[in-house]
Amino acid sequence: MSTVEEPERGAGTGTIVEPTPQTTHGDGDHERFAHYVQKDKIMASAMDGTPVVALCGKVWVPGRDPKKYPVCPTCKEIYESMGSFGGGKDGKGGKGDK
């Protein structure tokens, strides 16, 4: 005959509650701007619907006219700092939509 031992009171048999993960990504400003993305990535996304990554780190599938939105300040700063390596006035790059 087996015996089952009862846990002592106060022995830590309570429920563990894990913290709720953070689901927002800032204050939503990324949704109000057009972002810089490599032109070839924009074209590939248009063909197969794969998400793109902007210079500022935003990930999304382009689908709106970027000319309707101001350029993301973070993307613009990064793009201008790239100089002849792919940004600035002489570099290559593309302005994706939001």
PDB file of N, CA and C in Angstrom:
ATOM      1  N   MET A   1       0.843  -1.167   0.000  1.00  0.00           N
ATOM      2  CA  MET A   1       0.000   0.000   0.000  1.00  0.00           C
ATOM      3  C   MET A   1       0.888   1.229   0.000  1.00  0.00           C
ATOM      4  N   SER A   2       0.647   2.111  -0.945  1.00  0.00           N
ATOM      5  CA  SER A   2       1.466   3.314  -1.020  1.00  0.00           C
ATOM      6  C   SER A   2       0.771   4.454  -0.307  1.00  0.00           C
ATOM      7  N   THR A   3       1.575   5.339   0.199  1.00  0.00           N
ATOM      8  CA  THR A   3       1.017   6.501   0.878  1.00  0.00           C
ATOM      9  C   THR A   3       1.371   7.747   0.089  1.00  0.00           C
ATOM     10  N   VAL A   4       0.454   8.671   0.007  1.00  0.00           N
ATOM     11  CA  VAL A   4       0.674   9.943  -0.686  1.00  0.00           C
ATOM     12  C   VAL A   4       0.873  10.999   0.383  1.00  0.00           C
ATOM     13  N   GLU A   5       1.992  11.694   0.277  1.00  0.00           N
ATOM     14  CA  GLU A   5       2.268  12.735   1.263  1.00  0.00           C
ATOM     15  C   GLU A   5       1.624  14.029   0.815  1.00  0.00           C
ATOM     16  N   GLU A   6       1.002  14.676   1.708  1.00  0.00           N
ATOM     17  CA  GLU A   6       0.390  15.971   1.457  1.00  0.00           C
ATOM     18  C   GLU A   6       1.474  17.038   1.548  1.00  0.00           C
ATOM     19  N   PRO A   7       1.473  18.038   0.653  1.00  0.00           N
ATOM     20  CA  PRO A   7       2.443  19.119   0.773  1.00  0.00           C
ATOM     21  C   PRO A   7       2.137  19.955   2.007  1.00  0.00           C
ATOM     22  N   GLU A   8       3.177  20.447   2.617  1.00  0.00           N
ATOM     23  CA  GLU A   8       2.983  21.287   3.798  1.00  0.00           C
ATOM     24  C   GLU A   8       2.424  22.627   3.374  1.00  0.00           C
ATOM     25  N   ARG A   9       1.677  23.234   4.241  1.00  0.00           N
ATOM     26  CA  ARG A   9       1.126  24.560   3.963  1.00  0.00           C
ATOM     27  C   ARG A   9       2.263  25.563   3.835  1.00  0.00           C
ATOM     28  N   GLY A  10       2.124  26.440   2.841  1.00  0.00           N
ATOM     29  CA  GLY A  10       3.135  27.467   2.643  1.00  0.00           C
ATOM     30  C   GLY A  10       4.401  26.943   1.982  1.00  0.00           C
ATOM     31  N   ALA A  11       4.314  25.779   1.364  1.00  0.00           N
ATOM     32  CA  ALA A  11       5.496  25.175   0.755  1.00  0.00           C
ATOM     33  C   ALA A  11       5.660  25.589  -0.706  1.00  0.00           C
ATOM     34  N   GLY A  12       5.003  26.638  -1.154  1.00  0.00           N
ATOM     35  CA  GLY A  12       5.177  27.126  -2.522  1.00  0.00           C
ATOM     36  C   GLY A  12       4.422  26.341  -3.561  1.00  0.00           C
ATOM     37  N   THR A  13       3.196  25.999  -3.300  1.00  0.00           N
ATOM     38  CA  THR A  13       2.414  25.226  -4.262  1.00  0.00           C
ATOM     39  C   THR A  13       1.470  26.116  -5.066  1.00  0.00           C
ATOM     40  N   GLY A  14       1.734  27.422  -5.083  1.00  0.00           N
ATOM     41  CA  GLY A  14       0.857  28.351  -5.793  1.00  0.00           C
ATOM     42  C   GLY A  14       1.081  28.325  -7.294  1.00  0.00           C
ATOM     43  N   THR A  15       0.278  29.064  -8.007  1.00  0.00           N
ATOM     44  CA  THR A  15       0.351  29.160  -9.458  1.00  0.00           C
ATOM     45  C   THR A  15       1.408  30.183  -9.846  1.00  0.00           C
ATOM     46  N   ILE A  16       2.217  29.820 -10.821  1.00  0.00           N
ATOM     47  CA  ILE A  16       3.220  30.759 -11.321  1.00  0.00           C
ATOM     48  C   ILE A  16       2.591  31.557 -12.450  1.00  0.00           C
ATOM     49  N   VAL A  17       2.669  32.871 -12.352  1.00  0.00           N
ATOM     50  CA  VAL A  17       2.110  33.752 -13.370  1.00  0.00           C
ATOM     51  C   VAL A  17       3.272  34.390 -14.112  1.00  0.00           C
ATOM     52  N   GLU A  18       3.346  34.129 -15.417  1.00  0.00           N
ATOM     53  CA  GLU A  18       4.406  34.710 -16.215  1.00  0.00           C
ATOM     54  C   GLU A  18       3.982  36.085 -16.695  1.00  0.00           C
ATOM     55  N   PRO A  19       4.953  37.002 -16.839  1.00  0.00           N
ATOM     56  CA  PRO A  19       4.601  38.350 -17.296  1.00  0.00           C
ATOM     57  C   PRO A  19       4.085  38.332 -18.732  1.00  0.00           C
ATOM     58  N   THR A  20       3.208  39.260 -19.051  1.00  0.00           N
ATOM     59  CA  THR A  20       2.663  39.385 -20.396  1.00  0.00           C
ATOM     60  C   THR A  20       3.727  39.996 -21.301  1.00  0.00           C
ATOM     61  N   PRO A  21       3.986  39.408 -22.465  1.00  0.00           N
ATOM     62  CA  PRO A  21       5.007  39.972 -23.358  1.00  0.00           C
ATOM     63  C   PRO A  21       4.568  41.312 -23.920  1.00  0.00           C
ATOM     64  N   GLN A  22       5.548  42.164 -24.201  1.00  0.00           N
ATOM     65  CA  GLN A  22       5.281  43.466 -24.793  1.00  0.00           C
ATOM     66  C   GLN A  22       4.917  43.253 -26.258  1.00  0.00           C
ATOM     67  N   THR A  23       3.740  43.706 -26.662  1.00  0.00           N
ATOM     68  CA  THR A  23       3.309  43.472 -28.033  1.00  0.00           C
ATOM     69  C   THR A  23       3.350  44.717 -28.901  1.00  0.00           C
ATOM     70  N   THR A  24       3.578  45.875 -28.347  1.00  0.00           N
ATOM     71  CA  THR A  24       3.656  47.076 -29.154  1.00  0.00           C
ATOM     72  C   THR A  24       5.102  47.364 -29.504  1.00  0.00           C
ATOM     73  N   HIS A  25       5.294  48.089 -30.572  1.00  0.00           N
ATOM     74  CA  HIS A  25       6.637  48.438 -31.027  1.00  0.00           C
ATOM     75  C   HIS A  25       6.763  49.952 -31.066  1.00  0.00           C
ATOM     76  N   GLY A  26       6.793  50.561 -29.915  1.00  0.00           N
ATOM     77  CA  GLY A  26       6.922  52.006 -29.855  1.00  0.00           C
ATOM     78  C   GLY A  26       5.573  52.683 -29.850  1.00  0.00           C
ATOM     79  N   ASP A  27       5.580  53.929 -30.291  1.00  0.00           N
ATOM     80  CA  ASP A  27       4.363  54.736 -30.246  1.00  0.00           C
ATOM     81  C   ASP A  27       3.583  54.734 -31.549  1.00  0.00           C
ATOM     82  N   GLY A  28       3.945  53.870 -32.496  1.00  0.00           N
ATOM     83  CA  GLY A  28       3.203  53.778 -33.744  1.00  0.00           C
ATOM     84  C   GLY A  28       3.704  54.698 -34.838  1.00  0.00           C
ATOM     85  N   ASP A  29       4.788  55.443 -34.594  1.00  0.00           N
ATOM     86  CA  ASP A  29       5.299  56.350 -35.609  1.00  0.00           C
ATOM     87  C   ASP A  29       5.724  55.627 -36.876  1.00  0.00           C
ATOM     88  N   HIS A  30       6.139  54.367 -36.769  1.00  0.00           N
ATOM     89  CA  HIS A  30       6.547  53.622 -37.954  1.00  0.00           C
ATOM     90  C   HIS A  30       5.396  53.488 -38.933  1.00  0.00           C
ATOM     91  N   GLU A  31       4.167  53.567 -38.449  1.00  0.00           N
ATOM     92  CA  GLU A  31       3.007  53.427 -39.321  1.00  0.00           C
ATOM     93  C   GLU A  31       2.664  54.735 -40.027  1.00  0.00           C
ATOM     94  N   ARG A  32       3.307  55.827 -39.674  1.00  0.00           N
ATOM     95  CA  ARG A  32       2.985  57.131 -40.245  1.00  0.00           C
ATOM     96  C   ARG A  32       4.000  57.602 -41.273  1.00  0.00           C
ATOM     97  N   PHE A  33       5.018  56.782 -41.551  1.00  0.00           N
ATOM     98  CA  PHE A  33       6.106  57.203 -42.410  1.00  0.00           C
ATOM     99  C   PHE A  33       6.338  56.254 -43.571  1.00  0.00           C
ATOM    100  N   ALA A  34       6.968  56.802 -44.616  1.00  0.00           N
ATOM    101  CA  ALA A  34       7.530  55.982 -45.687  1.00  0.00           C
ATOM    102  C   ALA A  34       8.942  55.629 -45.246  1.00  0.00           C
ATOM    103  N   HIS A  35       9.403  54.446 -45.570  1.00  0.00           N
ATOM    104  CA  HIS A  35      10.700  53.967 -45.101  1.00  0.00           C
ATOM    105  C   HIS A  35      11.612  53.638 -46.267  1.00  0.00           C
ATOM    106  N   TYR A  36      12.914  53.727 -46.034  1.00  0.00           N
ATOM    107  CA  TYR A  36      13.903  53.374 -47.047  1.00  0.00           C
ATOM    108  C   TYR A  36      14.200  51.885 -47.007  1.00  0.00           C
ATOM    109  N   VAL A  37      14.151  51.270 -48.202  1.00  0.00           N
ATOM    110  CA  VAL A  37      14.404  49.850 -48.381  1.00  0.00           C
ATOM    111  C   VAL A  37      15.159  49.695 -49.701  1.00  0.00           C
ATOM    112  N   GLN A  38      16.012  48.688 -49.821  1.00  0.00           N
ATOM    113  CA  GLN A  38      16.716  48.441 -51.076  1.00  0.00           C
ATOM    114  C   GLN A  38      15.711  48.196 -52.195  1.00  0.00           C
ATOM    115  N   LYS A  39      15.972  48.785 -53.362  1.00  0.00           N
ATOM    116  CA  LYS A  39      15.035  48.663 -54.487  1.00  0.00           C
ATOM    117  C   LYS A  39      14.773  47.215 -54.868  1.00  0.00           C
ATOM    118  N   ASP A  40      15.820  46.395 -54.886  1.00  0.00           N
ATOM    119  CA  ASP A  40      15.618  44.998 -55.275  1.00  0.00           C
ATOM    120  C   ASP A  40      14.731  44.256 -54.285  1.00  0.00           C
ATOM    121  N   LYS A  41      14.780  44.653 -53.018  1.00  0.00           N
ATOM    122  CA  LYS A  41      13.920  44.030 -52.002  1.00  0.00           C
ATOM    123  C   LYS A  41      12.463  44.427 -52.214  1.00  0.00           C
ATOM    124  N   ILE A  42      12.233  45.684 -52.618  1.00  0.00           N
ATOM    125  CA  ILE A  42      10.869  46.156 -52.899  1.00  0.00           C
ATOM    126  C   ILE A  42      10.291  45.360 -54.077  1.00  0.00           C
ATOM    127  N   MET A  43      11.122  45.194 -55.126  1.00  0.00           N
ATOM    128  CA  MET A  43      10.659  44.459 -56.309  1.00  0.00           C
ATOM    129  C   MET A  43      10.350  43.006 -55.961  1.00  0.00           C
ATOM    130  N   ALA A  44      11.214  42.373 -55.183  1.00  0.00           N
ATOM    131  CA  ALA A  44      10.982  40.982 -54.787  1.00  0.00           C
ATOM    132  C   ALA A  44       9.713  40.861 -53.955  1.00  0.00           C
ATOM    133  N   SER A  45       9.492  41.828 -53.075  1.00  0.00           N
ATOM    134  CA  SER A  45       8.297  41.809 -52.238  1.00  0.00           C
ATOM    135  C   SER A  45       7.035  41.961 -53.087  1.00  0.00           C
ATOM    136  N   ALA A  46       7.119  42.812 -54.112  1.00  0.00           N
ATOM    137  CA  ALA A  46       5.970  43.008 -54.994  1.00  0.00           C
ATOM    138  C   ALA A  46       5.650  41.731 -55.765  1.00  0.00           C
ATOM    139  N   MET A  47       6.693  40.959 -56.084  1.00  0.00           N
ATOM    140  CA  MET A  47       6.489  39.734 -56.863  1.00  0.00           C
ATOM    141  C   MET A  47       5.966  38.576 -56.021  1.00  0.00           C
ATOM    142  N   ASP A  48       6.532  38.392 -54.817  1.00  0.00           N
ATOM    143  CA  ASP A  48       6.154  37.206 -54.037  1.00  0.00           C
ATOM    144  C   ASP A  48       5.559  37.496 -52.659  1.00  0.00           C
ATOM    145  N   GLY A  49       5.418  38.767 -52.307  1.00  0.00           N
ATOM    146  CA  GLY A  49       4.761  39.110 -51.051  1.00  0.00           C
ATOM    147  C   GLY A  49       5.596  38.913 -49.798  1.00  0.00           C
ATOM    148  N   THR A  50       6.917  38.785 -49.958  1.00  0.00           N
ATOM    149  CA  THR A  50       7.769  38.614 -48.776  1.00  0.00           C
ATOM    150  C   THR A  50       7.954  39.951 -48.071  1.00  0.00           C
ATOM    151  N   PRO A  51       8.073  39.927 -46.758  1.00  0.00           N
ATOM    152  CA  PRO A  51       8.289  41.174 -46.014  1.00  0.00           C
ATOM    153  C   PRO A  51       9.656  41.777 -46.326  1.00  0.00           C
ATOM    154  N   VAL A  52       9.747  43.097 -46.175  1.00  0.00           N
ATOM    155  CA  VAL A  52      11.001  43.824 -46.346  1.00  0.00           C
ATOM    156  C   VAL A  52      11.410  44.415 -45.001  1.00  0.00           C
ATOM    157  N   VAL A  53      12.702  44.769 -44.895  1.00  0.00           N
ATOM    158  CA  VAL A  53      13.213  45.379 -43.677  1.00  0.00           C
ATOM    159  C   VAL A  53      13.748  46.755 -44.036  1.00  0.00           C
ATOM    160  N   ALA A  54      13.208  47.795 -43.406  1.00  0.00           N
ATOM    161  CA  ALA A  54      13.650  49.165 -43.644  1.00  0.00           C
ATOM    162  C   ALA A  54      14.968  49.422 -42.930  1.00  0.00           C
ATOM    163  N   LEU A  55      15.632  50.504 -43.288  1.00  0.00           N
ATOM    164  CA  LEU A  55      16.887  50.869 -42.639  1.00  0.00           C
ATOM    165  C   LEU A  55      16.719  51.036 -41.134  1.00  0.00           C
ATOM    166  N   CYS A  56      15.554  51.492 -40.709  1.00  0.00           N
ATOM    167  CA  CYS A  56      15.302  51.705 -39.281  1.00  0.00           C
ATOM    168  C   CYS A  56      14.949  50.414 -38.544  1.00  0.00           C
ATOM    169  N   GLY A  57      14.732  49.326 -39.304  1.00  0.00           N
ATOM    170  CA  GLY A  57      14.418  48.046 -38.676  1.00  0.00           C
ATOM    171  C   GLY A  57      12.975  47.604 -38.794  1.00  0.00           C
ATOM    172  N   LYS A  58      12.103  48.465 -39.314  1.00  0.00           N
ATOM    173  CA  LYS A  58      10.704  48.076 -39.454  1.00  0.00           C
ATOM    174  C   LYS A  58      10.579  46.963 -40.487  1.00  0.00           C
ATOM    175  N   VAL A  59       9.772  45.951 -40.182  1.00  0.00           N
ATOM    176  CA  VAL A  59       9.522  44.829 -41.091  1.00  0.00           C
ATOM    177  C   VAL A  59       8.050  44.861 -41.482  1.00  0.00           C
ATOM    178  N   TRP A  60       7.779  44.831 -42.792  1.00  0.00           N
ATOM    179  CA  TRP A  60       6.403  44.848 -43.262  1.00  0.00           C
ATOM    180  C   TRP A  60       6.351  44.441 -44.729  1.00  0.00           C
ATOM    181  N   VAL A  61       5.157  44.218 -45.240  1.00  0.00           N
ATOM    182  CA  VAL A  61       4.955  43.931 -46.656  1.00  0.00           C
ATOM    183  C   VAL A  61       4.415  45.214 -47.288  1.00  0.00           C
ATOM    184  N   PRO A  62       5.185  45.822 -48.206  1.00  0.00           N
ATOM    185  CA  PRO A  62       4.744  47.084 -48.816  1.00  0.00           C
ATOM    186  C   PRO A  62       3.421  46.917 -49.547  1.00  0.00           C
ATOM    187  N   GLY A  63       2.617  47.967 -49.493  1.00  0.00           N
ATOM    188  CA  GLY A  63       1.339  47.905 -50.175  1.00  0.00           C
ATOM    189  C   GLY A  63       0.679  49.258 -50.361  1.00  0.00           C
ATOM    190  N   ARG A  64       1.333  50.318 -49.890  1.00  0.00           N
ATOM    191  CA  ARG A  64       0.742  51.655 -50.022  1.00  0.00           C
ATOM    192  C   ARG A  64       1.710  52.579 -50.731  1.00  0.00           C
ATOM    193  N   ASP A  65       1.183  53.658 -51.271  1.00  0.00           N
ATOM    194  CA  ASP A  65       1.995  54.624 -51.995  1.00  0.00           C
ATOM    195  C   ASP A  65       2.866  55.414 -51.020  1.00  0.00           C
ATOM    196  N   PRO A  66       4.196  55.255 -51.084  1.00  0.00           N
ATOM    197  CA  PRO A  66       5.073  55.939 -50.131  1.00  0.00           C
ATOM    198  C   PRO A  66       5.099  57.453 -50.315  1.00  0.00           C
ATOM    199  N   LYS A  67       4.657  57.924 -51.479  1.00  0.00           N
ATOM    200  CA  LYS A  67       4.663  59.370 -51.733  1.00  0.00           C
ATOM    201  C   LYS A  67       3.629  60.105 -50.886  1.00  0.00           C
ATOM    202  N   LYS A  68       2.710  59.376 -50.302  1.00  0.00           N
ATOM    203  CA  LYS A  68       1.665  59.987 -49.477  1.00  0.00           C
ATOM    204  C   LYS A  68       2.098  60.226 -48.036  1.00  0.00           C
ATOM    205  N   TYR A  69       3.323  59.780 -47.674  1.00  0.00           N
ATOM    206  CA  TYR A  69       3.775  59.860 -46.292  1.00  0.00           C
ATOM    207  C   TYR A  69       5.148  60.526 -46.212  1.00  0.00           C
ATOM    208  N   PRO A  70       5.418  61.200 -45.108  1.00  0.00           N
ATOM    209  CA  PRO A  70       6.765  61.765 -44.929  1.00  0.00           C
ATOM    210  C   PRO A  70       7.771  60.638 -44.682  1.00  0.00           C
ATOM    211  N   VAL A  71       9.034  60.900 -45.006  1.00  0.00           N
ATOM    212  CA  VAL A  71      10.083  59.896 -44.825  1.00  0.00           C
ATOM    213  C   VAL A  71      10.375  59.731 -43.337  1.00  0.00           C
ATOM    214  N   CYS A  72      10.553  58.494 -42.925  1.00  0.00           N
ATOM    215  CA  CYS A  72      10.911  58.157 -41.552  1.00  0.00           C
ATOM    216  C   CYS A  72      12.217  58.874 -41.192  1.00  0.00           C
ATOM    217  N   PRO A  73      12.235  59.657 -40.112  1.00  0.00           N
ATOM    218  CA  PRO A  73      13.457  60.380 -39.745  1.00  0.00           C
ATOM    219  C   PRO A  73      14.646  59.460 -39.474  1.00  0.00           C
ATOM    220  N   THR A  74      14.407  58.306 -38.886  1.00  0.00           N
ATOM    221  CA  THR A  74      15.496  57.371 -38.598  1.00  0.00           C
ATOM    222  C   THR A  74      16.062  56.817 -39.894  1.00  0.00           C
ATOM    223  N   CYS A  75      15.194  56.403 -40.820  1.00  0.00           N
ATOM    224  CA  CYS A  75      15.645  55.907 -42.115  1.00  0.00           C
ATOM    225  C   CYS A  75      16.430  56.987 -42.856  1.00  0.00           C
ATOM    226  N   LYS A  76      15.916  58.202 -42.833  1.00  0.00           N
ATOM    227  CA  LYS A  76      16.565  59.306 -43.541  1.00  0.00           C
ATOM    228  C   LYS A  76      17.960  59.569 -42.982  1.00  0.00           C
ATOM    229  N   GLU A  77      18.086  59.565 -41.675  1.00  0.00           N
ATOM    230  CA  GLU A  77      19.377  59.798 -41.028  1.00  0.00           C
ATOM    231  C   GLU A  77      20.378  58.701 -41.404  1.00  0.00           C
ATOM    232  N   ILE A  78      19.939  57.451 -41.363  1.00  0.00           N
ATOM    233  CA  ILE A  78      20.802  56.329 -41.724  1.00  0.00           C
ATOM    234  C   ILE A  78      21.180  56.404 -43.201  1.00  0.00           C
ATOM    235  N   TYR A  79      20.214  56.688 -44.052  1.00  0.00           N
ATOM    236  CA  TYR A  79      20.439  56.777 -45.493  1.00  0.00           C
ATOM    237  C   TYR A  79      21.462  57.855 -45.816  1.00  0.00           C
ATOM    238  N   GLU A  80      21.325  59.025 -45.208  1.00  0.00           N
ATOM    239  CA  GLU A  80      22.252  60.124 -45.459  1.00  0.00           C
ATOM    240  C   GLU A  80      23.645  59.834 -44.919  1.00  0.00           C
ATOM    241  N   SER A  81      23.737  59.083 -43.836  1.00  0.00           N
ATOM    242  CA  SER A  81      25.044  58.772 -43.259  1.00  0.00           C
ATOM    243  C   SER A  81      25.790  57.714 -44.077  1.00  0.00           C
ATOM    244  N   MET A  82      25.084  57.007 -44.964  1.00  0.00           N
ATOM    245  CA  MET A  82      25.701  55.966 -45.766  1.00  0.00           C
ATOM    246  C   MET A  82      26.591  56.537 -46.861  1.00  0.00           C
ATOM    247  N   GLY A  83      26.380  57.785 -47.256  1.00  0.00           N
ATOM    248  CA  GLY A  83      27.206  58.422 -48.272  1.00  0.00           C
ATOM    249  C   GLY A  83      27.248  57.646 -49.567  1.00  0.00           C
ATOM    250  N   SER A  84      28.433  57.449 -50.125  1.00  0.00           N
ATOM    251  CA  SER A  84      28.582  56.790 -51.420  1.00  0.00           C
ATOM    252  C   SER A  84      28.447  55.274 -51.331  1.00  0.00           C
ATOM    253  N   PHE A  85      28.229  54.737 -50.141  1.00  0.00           N
ATOM    254  CA  PHE A  85      28.076  53.293 -49.972  1.00  0.00           C
ATOM    255  C   PHE A  85      26.647  52.832 -50.160  1.00  0.00           C
ATOM    256  N   GLY A  86      25.781  53.687 -50.685  1.00  0.00           N
ATOM    257  CA  GLY A  86      24.422  53.249 -50.932  1.00  0.00           C
ATOM    258  C   GLY A  86      23.384  54.232 -50.446  1.00  0.00           C
ATOM    259  N   GLY A  87      23.801  55.381 -50.019  1.00  0.00           N
ATOM    260  CA  GLY A  87      22.844  56.367 -49.538  1.00  0.00           C
ATOM    261  C   GLY A  87      23.241  57.742 -50.017  1.00  0.00           C
ATOM    262  N   GLY A  88      22.626  58.722 -49.456  1.00  0.00           N
ATOM    263  CA  GLY A  88      22.947  60.083 -49.834  1.00  0.00           C
ATOM    264  C   GLY A  88      22.442  60.395 -51.229  1.00  0.00           C
ATOM    265  N   LYS A  89      22.922  61.490 -51.806  1.00  0.00           N
ATOM    266  CA  LYS A  89      22.435  61.924 -53.106  1.00  0.00           C
ATOM    267  C   LYS A  89      22.964  61.083 -54.258  1.00  0.00           C
ATOM    268  N   ASP A  90      24.155  60.487 -54.101  1.00  0.00           N
ATOM    269  CA  ASP A  90      24.745  59.716 -55.186  1.00  0.00           C
ATOM    270  C   ASP A  90      24.542  58.217 -55.048  1.00  0.00           C
ATOM    271  N   GLY A  91      24.002  57.771 -53.924  1.00  0.00           N
ATOM    272  CA  GLY A  91      23.920  56.340 -53.662  1.00  0.00           C
ATOM    273  C   GLY A  91      22.679  55.699 -54.232  1.00  0.00           C
ATOM    274  N   LYS A  92      22.597  54.406 -54.069  1.00  0.00           N
ATOM    275  CA  LYS A  92      21.434  53.652 -54.521  1.00  0.00           C
ATOM    276  C   LYS A  92      20.579  53.316 -53.310  1.00  0.00           C
ATOM    277  N   GLY A  93      19.340  53.138 -53.534  1.00  0.00           N
ATOM    278  CA  GLY A  93      18.416  52.801 -52.459  1.00  0.00           C
ATOM    279  C   GLY A  93      17.019  53.150 -52.893  1.00  0.00           C
ATOM    280  N   GLY A  94      16.072  52.745 -52.167  1.00  0.00           N
ATOM    281  CA  GLY A  94      14.701  53.026 -52.559  1.00  0.00           C
ATOM    282  C   GLY A  94      13.863  53.429 -51.383  1.00  0.00           C
ATOM    283  N   LYS A  95      12.848  54.195 -51.658  1.00  0.00           N
ATOM    284  CA  LYS A  95      11.919  54.608 -50.620  1.00  0.00           C
ATOM    285  C   LYS A  95      10.713  53.700 -50.723  1.00  0.00           C
ATOM    286  N   GLY A  96      10.552  52.839 -49.744  1.00  0.00           N
ATOM    287  CA  GLY A  96       9.420  51.925 -49.732  1.00  0.00           C
ATOM    288  C   GLY A  96       8.209  52.592 -49.117  1.00  0.00           C
ATOM    289  N   ASP A  97       7.099  51.891 -49.121  1.00  0.00           N
ATOM    290  CA  ASP A  97       5.910  52.456 -48.496  1.00  0.00           C
ATOM    291  C   ASP A  97       5.759  51.970 -47.070  1.00  0.00           C
ATOM    292  N   LYS A  98       4.743  52.477 -46.422  1.00  0.00           N
ATOM    293  CA  LYS A  98       4.552  52.131 -45.009  1.00  0.00           C
ATOM    294  C   LYS A  98       3.859  50.847 -44.800  1.00  0.00           C
TER     295      LYS A  98
END
